[in-house]
Amino acid sequence: MEDDIIISSEEKEKIKVEIVEKINSVLEENDESFRLDRVNVLNKNDTVKFMGNYRVYDRRKYDSISREINSFLKQYGDVEIKSKKIRDSGMKFTAVSFNFEL
């Protein structure tokens, strides 16, 4: 592995804020009520893992929302994205979780 690049706290914060702002702006543009409040960070020996999740309530808009968010997240490298349809006490939504390591 090339020189161990440790991401500074400032850089981690900047990435977390970028992700929250971008995901929330996409959700807002599509009249979704859910807002992402934070991205979690897991510091590992040689990488930093960023993790988060959001919900999409309007299934008709899911594809376009996820396409836009996924293409944004991919700028950080290899992103693992999982989604599943959920029905919870009458509410239907798609829960999406993502993570990537830098």
PDB file of N, CA and C in Angstrom:
ATOM      1  N   MET A   1       0.859  -1.188   0.000  1.00  0.00           N
ATOM      2  CA  MET A   1       0.000   0.000   0.000  1.00  0.00           C
ATOM      3  C   MET A   1       0.894   1.236   0.000  1.00  0.00           C
ATOM      4  N   GLU A   2       0.505   2.233  -0.780  1.00  0.00           N
ATOM      5  CA  GLU A   2       1.305   3.447  -0.789  1.00  0.00           C
ATOM      6  C   GLU A   2       1.289   4.052   0.606  1.00  0.00           C
ATOM      7  N   ASP A   3       2.139   5.022   0.836  1.00  0.00           N
ATOM      8  CA  ASP A   3       2.267   5.608   2.178  1.00  0.00           C
ATOM      9  C   ASP A   3       0.925   5.656   2.882  1.00  0.00           C
ATOM     10  N   ASP A   4       0.919   5.235   4.129  1.00  0.00           N
ATOM     11  CA  ASP A   4      -0.332   5.251   4.887  1.00  0.00           C
ATOM     12  C   ASP A   4      -0.858   6.677   4.946  1.00  0.00           C
ATOM     13  N   ILE A   5      -1.960   6.889   4.301  1.00  0.00           N
ATOM     14  CA  ILE A   5      -2.550   8.215   4.290  1.00  0.00           C
ATOM     15  C   ILE A   5      -3.628   8.236   5.364  1.00  0.00           C
ATOM     16  N   ILE A   6      -3.380   8.998   6.384  1.00  0.00           N
ATOM     17  CA  ILE A   6      -4.379   9.125   7.430  1.00  0.00           C
ATOM     18  C   ILE A   6      -5.164  10.394   7.124  1.00  0.00           C
ATOM     19  N   ILE A   7      -6.471  10.266   7.135  1.00  0.00           N
ATOM     20  CA  ILE A   7      -7.319  11.415   6.839  1.00  0.00           C
ATOM     21  C   ILE A   7      -7.435  12.262   8.099  1.00  0.00           C
ATOM     22  N   SER A   8      -7.204  13.543   7.952  1.00  0.00           N
ATOM     23  CA  SER A   8      -7.277  14.444   9.100  1.00  0.00           C
ATOM     24  C   SER A   8      -8.721  14.567   9.590  1.00  0.00           C
ATOM     25  N   SER A   9      -8.872  14.975  10.831  1.00  0.00           N
ATOM     26  CA  SER A   9     -10.209  15.184  11.398  1.00  0.00           C
ATOM     27  C   SER A   9     -10.974  16.208  10.585  1.00  0.00           C
ATOM     28  N   GLU A  10     -10.265  17.249  10.127  1.00  0.00           N
ATOM     29  CA  GLU A  10     -10.922  18.282   9.327  1.00  0.00           C
ATOM     30  C   GLU A  10     -11.448  17.693   8.020  1.00  0.00           C
ATOM     31  N   GLU A  11     -10.642  16.839   7.400  1.00  0.00           N
ATOM     32  CA  GLU A  11     -11.044  16.223   6.136  1.00  0.00           C
ATOM     33  C   GLU A  11     -12.254  15.306   6.354  1.00  0.00           C
ATOM     34  N   LYS A  12     -12.245  14.539   7.445  1.00  0.00           N
ATOM     35  CA  LYS A  12     -13.385  13.667   7.755  1.00  0.00           C
ATOM     36  C   LYS A  12     -14.648  14.497   7.930  1.00  0.00           C
ATOM     37  N   GLU A  13     -14.540  15.584   8.681  1.00  0.00           N
ATOM     38  CA  GLU A  13     -15.697  16.454   8.916  1.00  0.00           C
ATOM     39  C   GLU A  13     -16.217  17.018   7.595  1.00  0.00           C
ATOM     40  N   LYS A  14     -15.294  17.452   6.745  1.00  0.00           N
ATOM     41  CA  LYS A  14     -15.660  18.042   5.454  1.00  0.00           C
ATOM     42  C   LYS A  14     -16.431  17.022   4.610  1.00  0.00           C
ATOM     43  N   ILE A  15     -15.946  15.786   4.571  1.00  0.00           N
ATOM     44  CA  ILE A  15     -16.606  14.728   3.796  1.00  0.00           C
ATOM     45  C   ILE A  15     -17.985  14.441   4.383  1.00  0.00           C
ATOM     46  N   LYS A  16     -18.084  14.335   5.703  1.00  0.00           N
ATOM     47  CA  LYS A  16     -19.371  14.072   6.347  1.00  0.00           C
ATOM     48  C   LYS A  16     -20.388  15.157   6.008  1.00  0.00           C
ATOM     49  N   VAL A  17     -19.963  16.418   6.094  1.00  0.00           N
ATOM     50  CA  VAL A  17     -20.863  17.533   5.803  1.00  0.00           C
ATOM     51  C   VAL A  17     -21.277  17.514   4.332  1.00  0.00           C
ATOM     52  N   GLU A  18     -20.326  17.267   3.423  1.00  0.00           N
ATOM     53  CA  GLU A  18     -20.629  17.200   1.988  1.00  0.00           C
ATOM     54  C   GLU A  18     -21.709  16.158   1.712  1.00  0.00           C
ATOM     55  N   ILE A  19     -21.550  14.985   2.318  1.00  0.00           N
ATOM     56  CA  ILE A  19     -22.493  13.886   2.074  1.00  0.00           C
ATOM     57  C   ILE A  19     -23.877  14.238   2.607  1.00  0.00           C
ATOM     58  N   VAL A  20     -23.942  14.736   3.847  1.00  0.00           N
ATOM     59  CA  VAL A  20     -25.240  15.090   4.439  1.00  0.00           C
ATOM     60  C   VAL A  20     -25.923  16.160   3.594  1.00  0.00           C
ATOM     61  N   GLU A  21     -25.173  17.199   3.216  1.00  0.00           N
ATOM     62  CA  GLU A  21     -25.771  18.284   2.433  1.00  0.00           C
ATOM     63  C   GLU A  21     -26.255  17.806   1.071  1.00  0.00           C
ATOM     64  N   LYS A  22     -25.462  16.986   0.397  1.00  0.00           N
ATOM     65  CA  LYS A  22     -25.844  16.519  -0.938  1.00  0.00           C
ATOM     66  C   LYS A  22     -27.068  15.607  -0.874  1.00  0.00           C
ATOM     67  N   ILE A  23     -27.040  14.630   0.023  1.00  0.00           N
ATOM     68  CA  ILE A  23     -28.175  13.701   0.115  1.00  0.00           C
ATOM     69  C   ILE A  23     -29.441  14.463   0.490  1.00  0.00           C
ATOM     70  N   ASN A  24     -29.344  15.364   1.461  1.00  0.00           N
ATOM     71  CA  ASN A  24     -30.528  16.113   1.866  1.00  0.00           C
ATOM     72  C   ASN A  24     -31.041  17.025   0.758  1.00  0.00           C
ATOM     73  N   SER A  25     -30.132  17.599  -0.032  1.00  0.00           N
ATOM     74  CA  SER A  25     -30.610  18.468  -1.109  1.00  0.00           C
ATOM     75  C   SER A  25     -31.322  17.646  -2.182  1.00  0.00           C
ATOM     76  N   VAL A  26     -30.830  16.447  -2.480  1.00  0.00           N
ATOM     77  CA  VAL A  26     -31.503  15.577  -3.458  1.00  0.00           C
ATOM     78  C   VAL A  26     -32.878  15.163  -2.922  1.00  0.00           C
ATOM     79  N   LEU A  27     -32.937  14.791  -1.645  1.00  0.00           N
ATOM     80  CA  LEU A  27     -34.222  14.392  -1.057  1.00  0.00           C
ATOM     81  C   LEU A  27     -35.200  15.564  -1.075  1.00  0.00           C
ATOM     82  N   GLU A  28     -34.702  16.750  -0.725  1.00  0.00           N
ATOM     83  CA  GLU A  28     -35.549  17.936  -0.689  1.00  0.00           C
ATOM     84  C   GLU A  28     -36.076  18.286  -2.084  1.00  0.00           C
ATOM     85  N   GLU A  29     -35.201  18.237  -3.089  1.00  0.00           N
ATOM     86  CA  GLU A  29     -35.612  18.531  -4.464  1.00  0.00           C
ATOM     87  C   GLU A  29     -36.720  17.590  -4.929  1.00  0.00           C
ATOM     88  N   ASN A  30     -36.772  16.406  -4.345  1.00  0.00           N
ATOM     89  CA  ASN A  30     -37.771  15.409  -4.743  1.00  0.00           C
ATOM     90  C   ASN A  30     -38.935  15.329  -3.755  1.00  0.00           C
ATOM     91  N   ASP A  31     -39.078  16.362  -2.935  1.00  0.00           N
ATOM     92  CA  ASP A  31     -40.181  16.441  -1.967  1.00  0.00           C
ATOM     93  C   ASP A  31     -40.237  15.255  -1.015  1.00  0.00           C
ATOM     94  N   GLU A  32     -39.082  14.732  -0.660  1.00  0.00           N
ATOM     95  CA  GLU A  32     -39.031  13.652   0.330  1.00  0.00           C
ATOM     96  C   GLU A  32     -38.943  14.274   1.721  1.00  0.00           C
ATOM     97  N   SER A  33     -39.587  13.651   2.696  1.00  0.00           N
ATOM     98  CA  SER A  33     -39.604  14.231   4.048  1.00  0.00           C
ATOM     99  C   SER A  33     -38.392  13.838   4.888  1.00  0.00           C
ATOM    100  N   PHE A  34     -37.743  12.735   4.545  1.00  0.00           N
ATOM    101  CA  PHE A  34     -36.619  12.264   5.361  1.00  0.00           C
ATOM    102  C   PHE A  34     -35.399  13.166   5.183  1.00  0.00           C
ATOM    103  N   ARG A  35     -34.653  13.404   6.278  1.00  0.00           N
ATOM    104  CA  ARG A  35     -33.386  14.130   6.213  1.00  0.00           C
ATOM    105  C   ARG A  35     -32.321  13.309   6.934  1.00  0.00           C
ATOM    106  N   LEU A  36     -31.191  13.215   6.303  1.00  0.00           N
ATOM    107  CA  LEU A  36     -30.035  12.528   6.889  1.00  0.00           C
ATOM    108  C   LEU A  36     -29.426  13.485   7.903  1.00  0.00           C
ATOM    109  N   ASP A  37     -29.255  13.032   9.152  1.00  0.00           N
ATOM    110  CA  ASP A  37     -28.697  13.956  10.139  1.00  0.00           C
ATOM    111  C   ASP A  37     -27.188  13.825  10.289  1.00  0.00           C
ATOM    112  N   ARG A  38     -26.653  12.647  10.020  1.00  0.00           N
ATOM    113  CA  ARG A  38     -25.198  12.523  10.135  1.00  0.00           C
ATOM    114  C   ARG A  38     -24.692  11.293   9.410  1.00  0.00           C
ATOM    115  N   VAL A  39     -23.393  11.301   9.173  1.00  0.00           N
ATOM    116  CA  VAL A  39     -22.692  10.171   8.580  1.00  0.00           C
ATOM    117  C   VAL A  39     -21.760   9.658   9.669  1.00  0.00           C
ATOM    118  N   ASN A  40     -21.752   8.362   9.879  1.00  0.00           N
ATOM    119  CA  ASN A  40     -20.875   7.786  10.896  1.00  0.00           C
ATOM    120  C   ASN A  40     -19.512   7.477  10.304  1.00  0.00           C
ATOM    121  N   VAL A  41     -18.494   7.579  11.154  1.00  0.00           N
ATOM    122  CA  VAL A  41     -17.129   7.311  10.723  1.00  0.00           C
ATOM    123  C   VAL A  41     -16.539   6.251  11.636  1.00  0.00           C
ATOM    124  N   LEU A  42     -15.928   5.262  11.018  1.00  0.00           N
ATOM    125  CA  LEU A  42     -15.252   4.209  11.766  1.00  0.00           C
ATOM    126  C   LEU A  42     -13.772   4.273  11.396  1.00  0.00           C
ATOM    127  N   ASN A  43     -12.942   4.578  12.375  1.00  0.00           N
ATOM    128  CA  ASN A  43     -11.500   4.641  12.123  1.00  0.00           C
ATOM    129  C   ASN A  43     -10.921   3.242  12.247  1.00  0.00           C
ATOM    130  N   LYS A  44     -10.305   2.767  11.171  1.00  0.00           N
ATOM    131  CA  LYS A  44      -9.682   1.453  11.181  1.00  0.00           C
ATOM    132  C   LYS A  44      -8.180   1.657  11.126  1.00  0.00           C
ATOM    133  N   ASN A  45      -7.426   0.568  11.174  1.00  0.00           N
ATOM    134  CA  ASN A  45      -5.967   0.700  11.182  1.00  0.00           C
ATOM    135  C   ASN A  45      -5.433   1.490  10.002  1.00  0.00           C
ATOM    136  N   ASP A  46      -5.854   1.128   8.797  1.00  0.00           N
ATOM    137  CA  ASP A  46      -5.275   1.783   7.626  1.00  0.00           C
ATOM    138  C   ASP A  46      -6.294   2.494   6.750  1.00  0.00           C
ATOM    139  N   THR A  47      -7.560   2.480   7.157  1.00  0.00           N
ATOM    140  CA  THR A  47      -8.581   3.181   6.380  1.00  0.00           C
ATOM    141  C   THR A  47      -9.575   3.850   7.321  1.00  0.00           C
ATOM    142  N   VAL A  48     -10.406   4.675   6.746  1.00  0.00           N
ATOM    143  CA  VAL A  48     -11.501   5.296   7.477  1.00  0.00           C
ATOM    144  C   VAL A  48     -12.768   4.919   6.727  1.00  0.00           C
ATOM    145  N   LYS A  49     -13.734   4.367   7.447  1.00  0.00           N
ATOM    146  CA  LYS A  49     -14.982   3.935   6.826  1.00  0.00           C
ATOM    147  C   LYS A  49     -16.076   4.952   7.137  1.00  0.00           C
ATOM    148  N   PHE A  50     -16.773   5.388   6.084  1.00  0.00           N
ATOM    149  CA  PHE A  50     -17.892   6.317   6.213  1.00  0.00           C
ATOM    150  C   PHE A  50     -19.175   5.527   5.962  1.00  0.00           C
ATOM    151  N   MET A  51     -20.175   5.709   6.843  1.00  0.00           N
ATOM    152  CA  MET A  51     -21.411   4.938   6.737  1.00  0.00           C
ATOM    153  C   MET A  51     -22.613   5.848   6.985  1.00  0.00           C
ATOM    154  N   GLY A  52     -23.685   5.593   6.261  1.00  0.00           N
ATOM    155  CA  GLY A  52     -24.895   6.360   6.490  1.00  0.00           C
ATOM    156  C   GLY A  52     -26.094   5.658   5.886  1.00  0.00           C
ATOM    157  N   ASN A  53     -27.266   6.190   6.170  1.00  0.00           N
ATOM    158  CA  ASN A  53     -28.467   5.647   5.539  1.00  0.00           C
ATOM    159  C   ASN A  53     -29.537   6.718   5.434  1.00  0.00           C
ATOM    160  N   TYR A  54     -30.401   6.497   4.482  1.00  0.00           N
ATOM    161  CA  TYR A  54     -31.501   7.428   4.264  1.00  0.00           C
ATOM    162  C   TYR A  54     -32.709   6.639   3.787  1.00  0.00           C
ATOM    163  N   ARG A  55     -33.850   7.319   3.744  1.00  0.00           N
ATOM    164  CA  ARG A  55     -35.101   6.687   3.321  1.00  0.00           C
ATOM    165  C   ARG A  55     -35.708   7.445   2.151  1.00  0.00           C
ATOM    166  N   VAL A  56     -36.350   6.687   1.275  1.00  0.00           N
ATOM    167  CA  VAL A  56     -37.119   7.277   0.181  1.00  0.00           C
ATOM    168  C   VAL A  56     -38.544   6.736   0.325  1.00  0.00           C
ATOM    169  N   TYR A  57     -39.495   7.647   0.496  1.00  0.00           N
ATOM    170  CA  TYR A  57     -40.892   7.231   0.696  1.00  0.00           C
ATOM    171  C   TYR A  57     -41.643   7.045  -0.617  1.00  0.00           C
ATOM    172  N   ASP A  58     -41.360   7.868  -1.604  1.00  0.00           N
ATOM    173  CA  ASP A  58     -42.073   7.778  -2.878  1.00  0.00           C
ATOM    174  C   ASP A  58     -41.337   6.798  -3.785  1.00  0.00           C
ATOM    175  N   ARG A  59     -41.867   5.602  -3.895  1.00  0.00           N
ATOM    176  CA  ARG A  59     -41.169   4.564  -4.680  1.00  0.00           C
ATOM    177  C   ARG A  59     -41.027   4.916  -6.147  1.00  0.00           C
ATOM    178  N   ARG A  60     -41.929   5.760  -6.644  1.00  0.00           N
ATOM    179  CA  ARG A  60     -41.815   6.159  -8.056  1.00  0.00           C
ATOM    180  C   ARG A  60     -40.578   7.019  -8.276  1.00  0.00           C
ATOM    181  N   LYS A  61     -40.125   7.703  -7.238  1.00  0.00           N
ATOM    182  CA  LYS A  61     -38.953   8.578  -7.373  1.00  0.00           C
ATOM    183  C   LYS A  61     -37.665   7.888  -6.951  1.00  0.00           C
ATOM    184  N   TYR A  62     -37.784   6.677  -6.416  1.00  0.00           N
ATOM    185  CA  TYR A  62     -36.610   6.006  -5.856  1.00  0.00           C
ATOM    186  C   TYR A  62     -35.448   5.885  -6.853  1.00  0.00           C
ATOM    187  N   ASP A  63     -35.746   5.423  -8.075  1.00  0.00           N
ATOM    188  CA  ASP A  63     -34.667   5.202  -9.047  1.00  0.00           C
ATOM    189  C   ASP A  63     -33.889   6.468  -9.353  1.00  0.00           C
ATOM    190  N   SER A  64     -34.593   7.562  -9.614  1.00  0.00           N
ATOM    191  CA  SER A  64     -33.878   8.794  -9.967  1.00  0.00           C
ATOM    192  C   SER A  64     -33.132   9.350  -8.758  1.00  0.00           C
ATOM    193  N   ILE A  65     -33.723   9.277  -7.569  1.00  0.00           N
ATOM    194  CA  ILE A  65     -33.050   9.758  -6.359  1.00  0.00           C
ATOM    195  C   ILE A  65     -31.794   8.940  -6.109  1.00  0.00           C
ATOM    196  N   SER A  66     -31.921   7.615  -6.142  1.00  0.00           N
ATOM    197  CA  SER A  66     -30.759   6.783  -5.830  1.00  0.00           C
ATOM    198  C   SER A  66     -29.674   6.918  -6.896  1.00  0.00           C
ATOM    199  N   ARG A  67     -30.073   7.086  -8.146  1.00  0.00           N
ATOM    200  CA  ARG A  67     -29.079   7.278  -9.212  1.00  0.00           C
ATOM    201  C   ARG A  67     -28.240   8.528  -8.945  1.00  0.00           C
ATOM    202  N   GLU A  68     -28.904   9.623  -8.589  1.00  0.00           N
ATOM    203  CA  GLU A  68     -28.195  10.879  -8.344  1.00  0.00           C
ATOM    204  C   GLU A  68     -27.296  10.773  -7.104  1.00  0.00           C
ATOM    205  N   ILE A  69     -27.816  10.201  -6.041  1.00  0.00           N
ATOM    206  CA  ILE A  69     -27.022  10.064  -4.814  1.00  0.00           C
ATOM    207  C   ILE A  69     -25.856   9.103  -5.032  1.00  0.00           C
ATOM    208  N   ASN A  70     -26.106   7.988  -5.697  1.00  0.00           N
ATOM    209  CA  ASN A  70     -25.034   7.007  -5.917  1.00  0.00           C
ATOM    210  C   ASN A  70     -23.913   7.578  -6.766  1.00  0.00           C
ATOM    211  N   SER A  71     -24.258   8.340  -7.799  1.00  0.00           N
ATOM    212  CA  SER A  71     -23.192   8.889  -8.634  1.00  0.00           C
ATOM    213  C   SER A  71     -22.382   9.911  -7.846  1.00  0.00           C
ATOM    214  N   PHE A  72     -23.022  10.629  -6.936  1.00  0.00           N
ATOM    215  CA  PHE A  72     -22.288  11.546  -6.062  1.00  0.00           C
ATOM    216  C   PHE A  72     -21.351  10.767  -5.133  1.00  0.00           C
ATOM    217  N   LEU A  73     -21.876   9.715  -4.491  1.00  0.00           N
ATOM    218  CA  LEU A  73     -21.067   8.944  -3.537  1.00  0.00           C
ATOM    219  C   LEU A  73     -19.876   8.270  -4.212  1.00  0.00           C
ATOM    220  N   LYS A  74     -20.041   7.892  -5.474  1.00  0.00           N
ATOM    221  CA  LYS A  74     -18.966   7.174  -6.168  1.00  0.00           C
ATOM    222  C   LYS A  74     -17.728   8.027  -6.385  1.00  0.00           C
ATOM    223  N   GLN A  75     -17.839   9.354  -6.212  1.00  0.00           N
ATOM    224  CA  GLN A  75     -16.647  10.197  -6.320  1.00  0.00           C
ATOM    225  C   GLN A  75     -15.650   9.870  -5.202  1.00  0.00           C
ATOM    226  N   TYR A  76     -16.133   9.222  -4.149  1.00  0.00           N
ATOM    227  CA  TYR A  76     -15.252   8.846  -3.041  1.00  0.00           C
ATOM    228  C   TYR A  76     -14.612   7.479  -3.249  1.00  0.00           C
ATOM    229  N   GLY A  77     -14.938   6.834  -4.355  1.00  0.00           N
ATOM    230  CA  GLY A  77     -14.349   5.521  -4.634  1.00  0.00           C
ATOM    231  C   GLY A  77     -15.398   4.434  -4.681  1.00  0.00           C
ATOM    232  N   ASP A  78     -15.008   3.269  -4.219  1.00  0.00           N
ATOM    233  CA  ASP A  78     -15.851   2.084  -4.260  1.00  0.00           C
ATOM    234  C   ASP A  78     -16.880   2.138  -3.135  1.00  0.00           C
ATOM    235  N   VAL A  79     -18.139   2.311  -3.486  1.00  0.00           N
ATOM    236  CA  VAL A  79     -19.190   2.473  -2.484  1.00  0.00           C
ATOM    237  C   VAL A  79     -20.061   1.226  -2.462  1.00  0.00           C
ATOM    238  N   GLU A  80     -20.336   0.741  -1.274  1.00  0.00           N
ATOM    239  CA  GLU A  80     -21.270  -0.386  -1.127  1.00  0.00           C
ATOM    240  C   GLU A  80     -22.623   0.215  -0.770  1.00  0.00           C
ATOM    241  N   ILE A  81     -23.640  -0.116  -1.578  1.00  0.00           N
ATOM    242  CA  ILE A  81     -24.973   0.447  -1.386  1.00  0.00           C
ATOM    243  C   ILE A  81     -25.969  -0.700  -1.297  1.00  0.00           C
ATOM    244  N   LYS A  82     -26.787  -0.669  -0.254  1.00  0.00           N
ATOM    245  CA  LYS A  82     -27.824  -1.697  -0.099  1.00  0.00           C
ATOM    246  C   LYS A  82     -29.154  -0.991   0.104  1.00  0.00           C
ATOM    247  N   SER A  83     -30.197  -1.557  -0.482  1.00  0.00           N
ATOM    248  CA  SER A  83     -31.515  -0.972  -0.239  1.00  0.00           C
ATOM    249  C   SER A  83     -32.518  -2.089  -0.010  1.00  0.00           C
ATOM    250  N   LYS A  84     -33.520  -1.765   0.786  1.00  0.00           N
ATOM    251  CA  LYS A  84     -34.598  -2.745   0.939  1.00  0.00           C
ATOM    252  C   LYS A  84     -35.900  -2.036   1.207  1.00  0.00           C
ATOM    253  N   LYS A  85     -36.946  -2.620   0.649  1.00  0.00           N
ATOM    254  CA  LYS A  85     -38.275  -2.044   0.808  1.00  0.00           C
ATOM    255  C   LYS A  85     -38.810  -2.437   2.174  1.00  0.00           C
ATOM    256  N   ILE A  86     -39.374  -1.456   2.863  1.00  0.00           N
ATOM    257  CA  ILE A  86     -39.846  -1.688   4.220  1.00  0.00           C
ATOM    258  C   ILE A  86     -41.285  -1.200   4.348  1.00  0.00           C
ATOM    259  N   ARG A  87     -42.046  -1.954   5.109  1.00  0.00           N
ATOM    260  CA  ARG A  87     -43.405  -1.532   5.443  1.00  0.00           C
ATOM    261  C   ARG A  87     -43.450  -1.554   6.962  1.00  0.00           C
ATOM    262  N   ASP A  88     -43.585  -0.364   7.537  1.00  0.00           N
ATOM    263  CA  ASP A  88     -43.532  -0.251   8.993  1.00  0.00           C
ATOM    264  C   ASP A  88     -44.762   0.513   9.463  1.00  0.00           C
ATOM    265  N   SER A  89     -45.593  -0.130  10.215  1.00  0.00           N
ATOM    266  CA  SER A  89     -46.840   0.445  10.733  1.00  0.00           C
ATOM    267  C   SER A  89     -47.546   1.333   9.701  1.00  0.00           C
ATOM    268  N   GLY A  90     -47.796   0.731   8.550  1.00  0.00           N
ATOM    269  CA  GLY A  90     -48.538   1.441   7.516  1.00  0.00           C
ATOM    270  C   GLY A  90     -47.685   2.314   6.604  1.00  0.00           C
ATOM    271  N   MET A  91     -46.472   2.653   7.032  1.00  0.00           N
ATOM    272  CA  MET A  91     -45.600   3.478   6.190  1.00  0.00           C
ATOM    273  C   MET A  91     -44.792   2.559   5.286  1.00  0.00           C
ATOM    274  N   LYS A  92     -44.694   2.948   4.038  1.00  0.00           N
ATOM    275  CA  LYS A  92     -43.857   2.188   3.107  1.00  0.00           C
ATOM    276  C   LYS A  92     -42.709   3.089   2.705  1.00  0.00           C
ATOM    277  N   PHE A  93     -41.508   2.551   2.710  1.00  0.00           N
ATOM    278  CA  PHE A  93     -40.374   3.317   2.232  1.00  0.00           C
ATOM    279  C   PHE A  93     -39.259   2.372   1.832  1.00  0.00           C
ATOM    280  N   THR A  94     -38.282   2.907   1.142  1.00  0.00           N
ATOM    281  CA  THR A  94     -37.096   2.136   0.804  1.00  0.00           C
ATOM    282  C   THR A  94     -35.970   2.671   1.668  1.00  0.00           C
ATOM    283  N   ALA A  95     -35.378   1.778   2.443  1.00  0.00           N
ATOM    284  CA  ALA A  95     -34.250   2.147   3.296  1.00  0.00           C
ATOM    285  C   ALA A  95     -32.973   1.876   2.514  1.00  0.00           C
ATOM    286  N   VAL A  96     -32.105   2.867   2.465  1.00  0.00           N
ATOM    287  CA  VAL A  96     -30.859   2.739   1.717  1.00  0.00           C
ATOM    288  C   VAL A  96     -29.702   2.965   2.673  1.00  0.00           C
ATOM    289  N   SER A  97     -28.749   2.036   2.669  1.00  0.00           N
ATOM    290  CA  SER A  97     -27.548   2.249   3.469  1.00  0.00           C
ATOM    291  C   SER A  97     -26.352   2.231   2.540  1.00  0.00           C
ATOM    292  N   PHE A  98     -25.344   3.012   2.900  1.00  0.00           N
ATOM    293  CA  PHE A  98     -24.148   3.082   2.076  1.00  0.00           C
ATOM    294  C   PHE A  98     -22.920   3.127   2.964  1.00  0.00           C
ATOM    295  N   ASN A  99     -21.806   2.667   2.422  1.00  0.00           N
ATOM    296  CA  ASN A  99     -20.538   2.825   3.112  1.00  0.00           C
ATOM    297  C   ASN A  99     -19.409   2.749   2.110  1.00  0.00           C
ATOM    298  N   PHE A 100     -18.311   3.396   2.469  1.00  0.00           N
ATOM    299  CA  PHE A 100     -17.100   3.342   1.650  1.00  0.00           C
ATOM    300  C   PHE A 100     -15.914   3.602   2.547  1.00  0.00           C
ATOM    301  N   GLU A 101     -14.757   3.151   2.106  1.00  0.00           N
ATOM    302  CA  GLU A 101     -13.541   3.351   2.884  1.00  0.00           C
ATOM    303  C   GLU A 101     -12.553   4.187   2.098  1.00  0.00           C
ATOM    304  N   LEU A 102     -11.864   5.050   2.813  1.00  0.00           N
ATOM    305  CA  LEU A 102     -10.816   5.871   2.206  1.00  0.00           C
ATOM    306  C   LEU A 102      -9.505   5.557   2.896  1.00  0.00           C
TER     307      LEU A 102
END
